[in-house]
Amino acid sequence: MAARQAKRARRRGKPGTLEEARALLWRALTRAGELLETEDPAHALKAVHAVSQGAAAYARIVEIGELEARIKALEDAQPGEEEDPAPTPTGPRLGRGAA
């Protein structure tokens, strides 16, 4: 059982980064843009569809990257705040003899 799970994990590989996805999508958009000039109208129509879908996905990836950068800048600008502050007790305080 453990051997099968290890083999499956190796086959899947590590997840890619946002930057890798952005670069791959840009290469695909460039290639689809080249196919727009084909003589076959059906092929050109498929390229138009690929470009429109890819452009929408590319815009989302770029937006996410910008938002991550803004969040990091805001987090870095907060001096002295701890990542995980110690929790404060929220229960009622009991006086002497209340037990």
Protein backbone atom coordinates (compact mmCIF):
# COMPACT_ATOMS: atom_id res chain seq x y z
CA MET A 1 0.00 0.00 0.00
CA ALA A 2 2.72 2.50 0.99
CA ALA A 3 4.77 1.60 -2.09
CA ARG A 4 1.80 2.33 -4.37
CA GLN A 5 1.19 5.67 -2.70
CA ALA A 6 4.85 6.64 -3.05
CA LYS A 7 4.83 5.67 -6.73
CA ARG A 8 1.64 7.68 -7.30
CA ALA A 9 3.16 10.72 -5.56
CA ARG A 10 6.30 10.52 -7.74
CA ARG A 11 4.19 10.27 -10.87
CA ARG A 12 2.16 13.37 -9.99
CA GLY A 13 5.22 15.52 -9.39
CA LYS A 14 5.34 18.79 -7.53
CA PRO A 15 2.75 21.47 -8.20
CA GLY A 16 3.94 24.30 -10.39
CA THR A 17 4.29 27.91 -9.36
CA LEU A 18 2.15 30.82 -10.45
CA GLU A 19 5.07 32.20 -12.46
CA GLU A 20 5.51 28.89 -14.32
CA ALA A 21 1.80 28.84 -15.16
CA ARG A 22 1.97 32.44 -16.38
CA ALA A 23 4.98 31.71 -18.61
CA LEU A 24 3.38 28.57 -20.04
CA LEU A 25 0.12 30.35 -20.76
CA TRP A 26 1.97 33.21 -22.46
CA ARG A 27 3.77 30.73 -24.76
CA ALA A 28 0.42 29.12 -25.60
CA LEU A 29 -1.12 32.52 -26.37
CA THR A 30 1.80 33.39 -28.63
CA ARG A 31 1.44 30.11 -30.52
CA ALA A 32 -2.34 30.51 -30.84
CA GLY A 33 -1.80 34.06 -32.11
CA GLU A 34 0.45 32.71 -34.86
CA LEU A 35 -2.29 30.29 -35.91
CA LEU A 36 -4.72 33.18 -36.50
CA GLU A 37 -3.05 33.77 -39.89
CA THR A 38 -3.86 30.31 -41.25
CA GLU A 39 -5.78 29.98 -44.52
CA ASP A 40 -8.31 27.48 -43.15
CA PRO A 41 -11.24 29.49 -41.69
CA ALA A 42 -12.24 26.70 -39.28
CA HIS A 43 -8.69 26.50 -37.98
CA ALA A 44 -8.50 30.29 -37.61
CA LEU A 45 -11.82 30.30 -35.72
CA LYS A 46 -10.45 27.73 -33.27
CA ALA A 47 -7.37 29.90 -32.81
CA VAL A 48 -9.56 32.93 -32.06
CA HIS A 49 -11.40 30.93 -29.42
CA ALA A 50 -8.11 29.72 -27.91
CA VAL A 51 -6.74 33.26 -27.79
CA SER A 52 -9.86 34.66 -26.12
CA GLN A 53 -9.96 31.90 -23.50
CA GLY A 54 -6.22 32.07 -22.90
CA ALA A 55 -6.26 35.85 -22.59
CA ALA A 56 -8.93 35.67 -19.89
CA ALA A 57 -6.95 33.06 -17.95
CA TYR A 58 -3.75 35.06 -18.39
CA ALA A 59 -5.43 38.19 -17.03
CA ARG A 60 -6.59 36.28 -13.94
CA ILE A 61 -3.09 34.90 -13.32
CA VAL A 62 -1.52 38.34 -13.64
CA GLU A 63 -4.14 39.82 -11.29
CA ILE A 64 -3.50 37.12 -8.69
CA GLY A 65 0.24 37.75 -8.90
CA GLU A 66 -0.28 41.47 -8.35
CA LEU A 67 -2.58 40.84 -5.39
CA GLU A 68 -0.04 38.50 -3.79
CA ALA A 69 2.65 41.16 -4.19
CA ARG A 70 0.40 43.80 -2.58
CA ILE A 71 -0.44 41.53 0.34
CA LYS A 72 3.24 40.77 0.92
CA ALA A 73 4.08 44.48 0.84
CA LEU A 74 1.34 45.20 3.39
CA GLU A 75 2.50 42.36 5.64
CA ASP A 76 6.10 43.57 5.43
CA ALA A 77 5.02 47.12 6.31
CA GLN A 78 3.47 46.03 9.64
CA PRO A 79 6.30 46.42 12.18
CA GLY A 80 6.33 44.42 15.36
CA GLU A 81 3.33 42.24 14.72
CA GLU A 82 3.78 38.56 15.39
CA GLU A 83 2.62 35.89 12.97
CA ASP A 84 0.74 33.88 15.61
CA PRO A 85 0.18 35.83 18.84
CA ALA A 86 -0.49 33.87 22.01
CA PRO A 87 -4.22 33.47 22.63
CA THR A 88 -5.69 35.43 25.52
CA PRO A 89 -8.03 33.74 27.93
CA THR A 90 -11.63 34.65 27.19
CA GLY A 91 -13.50 32.78 29.90
CA PRO A 92 -15.00 34.34 33.03
CA ARG A 93 -12.67 35.19 35.88
CA LEU A 94 -13.42 33.42 39.08
CA GLY A 95 -12.76 35.11 42.42
CA ARG A 96 -11.62 33.42 45.58
CA GLY A 97 -13.98 30.85 46.90
CA ALA A 98 -15.98 30.64 43.70
CA ALA A 99 -14.95 27.08 43.10
